[in-house]
Structure formats: structure tokens, C-alpha cells
Protein backbone atom coordinates (compact mmCIF):
# COMPACT_ATOMS: atom_id res chain seq x y z
CA MET A 1 -54.97 24.57 -62.53
CA LEU A 2 -55.18 22.10 -59.65
CA ALA A 3 -52.21 23.75 -57.92
CA ILE A 4 -53.89 27.15 -58.08
CA THR A 5 -57.06 25.67 -56.60
CA ILE A 6 -55.16 23.96 -53.78
CA LEU A 7 -53.14 27.08 -52.95
CA GLY A 8 -56.24 29.26 -53.11
CA SER A 9 -58.16 27.02 -50.71
CA ASN A 10 -55.98 28.07 -47.73
CA ILE A 11 -56.28 24.56 -46.25
CA HIS A 12 -52.81 24.23 -44.75
CA TRP A 13 -52.70 20.45 -44.39
CA LEU A 14 -53.73 20.03 -48.04
CA ILE A 15 -51.08 22.51 -49.20
CA ILE A 16 -48.37 20.75 -47.16
CA ILE A 17 -49.33 17.27 -48.43
CA SER A 18 -49.56 18.45 -52.04
CA GLY A 19 -46.24 20.29 -51.83
CA THR A 20 -44.51 17.30 -50.28
CA LEU A 21 -45.86 14.94 -52.94
CA PHE A 22 -44.74 17.34 -55.67
CA VAL A 23 -41.20 17.57 -54.28
CA LEU A 24 -41.00 13.77 -53.92
CA LEU A 25 -42.17 13.33 -57.51
CA ILE A 26 -39.52 15.74 -58.80
CA LEU A 27 -36.82 13.93 -56.78
CA LEU A 28 -37.99 10.56 -58.11
CA ILE A 29 -37.81 11.80 -61.70
CA GLY A 30 -34.28 13.10 -61.09
CA LEU A 31 -33.23 9.80 -59.53
CA ILE A 32 -34.61 7.80 -62.46
CA PHE A 33 -32.84 10.12 -64.90
CA THR A 34 -29.52 9.64 -63.10
CA LEU A 35 -29.92 5.87 -62.80
CA GLN A 36 -30.69 5.66 -66.50
CA ALA A 37 -27.35 7.28 -67.29
CA PHE A 38 -25.46 4.85 -65.05
CA LEU A 39 -27.28 1.84 -66.55
CA LEU A 40 -26.31 3.03 -70.02
CA LEU A 41 -22.67 3.38 -68.94
CA TRP A 42 -22.76 -0.10 -67.41
CA ASP A 43 -24.16 -1.49 -70.67
CA ALA A 44 -21.44 0.31 -72.61
CA TRP A 45 -18.77 -1.19 -70.35
CA ILE A 46 -20.15 -4.71 -70.93
CA MET A 47 -20.40 -4.07 -74.66
CA TRP A 48 -16.82 -2.74 -74.73
CA ARG A 49 -15.47 -5.92 -73.12
CA ARG A 50 -17.47 -8.50 -75.08
CA GLU A 51 -17.81 -7.09 -78.58
CA SER A 52 -15.88 -5.06 -81.12
CA HIS A 53 -15.18 -1.36 -80.67
CA THR A 54 -17.38 0.01 -83.44
CA LEU A 55 -19.42 3.19 -83.41
CA ALA A 56 -22.67 1.23 -83.19
CA ASN A 57 -21.46 -0.60 -80.08
CA MET A 58 -20.34 2.65 -78.45
CA LEU A 59 -23.65 4.50 -78.80
CA THR A 60 -24.75 3.62 -75.27
CA LEU A 61 -21.45 5.01 -73.97
CA TYR A 62 -21.99 8.30 -75.78
CA LEU A 63 -25.62 8.48 -74.68
CA GLY A 64 -24.78 7.74 -71.04
CA LEU A 65 -22.04 10.37 -71.00
CA ALA A 66 -24.31 12.91 -72.68
CA ILE A 67 -27.06 12.35 -70.11
CA LEU A 68 -24.57 12.91 -67.29
CA ILE A 69 -22.68 15.87 -68.78
CA LEU A 70 -25.25 17.92 -70.72
CA PRO A 71 -27.56 18.90 -67.82
CA LYS A 72 -24.55 20.22 -65.90
CA THR A 73 -23.32 22.31 -68.83
CA SER A 74 -26.76 23.78 -69.49
CA LEU A 75 -26.92 25.11 -65.93
CA HIS A 76 -23.87 27.31 -66.54
CA SER A 77 -25.15 29.01 -69.69
């Protein structure tokens, strides 16, 4: 609703600022999502070295790989 109001106002500086903030927010969310996957893989690597190789200890590995792989496969379908 706010986006429609801003675009309908025809105030160019407001549209540019709002659009820029929106793009930066989307990029920040994507960066956080990617960093989360790498932190999970790092945790899995530490867990793999220090503890036993059970399914419970490998859940962060599977979750980190899923976060990295699944968005790429969903783009192709």
C-alpha cells in the first residue's frame, strides 16, 4: 500500500530513495541468508572434527548444504 502511494505521488526523489532502500534491503536479506549457510557449514566442520559422526551431529551439515543447494535448484524448475 505504501509503495503504491509513493509511486503515485510522482515525487521523483522520494521514488528513487524508496527504490534504493528496497533494493538494499533485499540484498541484505540475501547476504544474511548466504552467510547463515556458510556458518552452518563451518559449525558442521568443527563438529565433524571434534565429535562422533552420528546423524545428530551432521544435521548442521545437511542444513547448510540444503540452504546452499535448494534455492539454485528451484530456479531451474
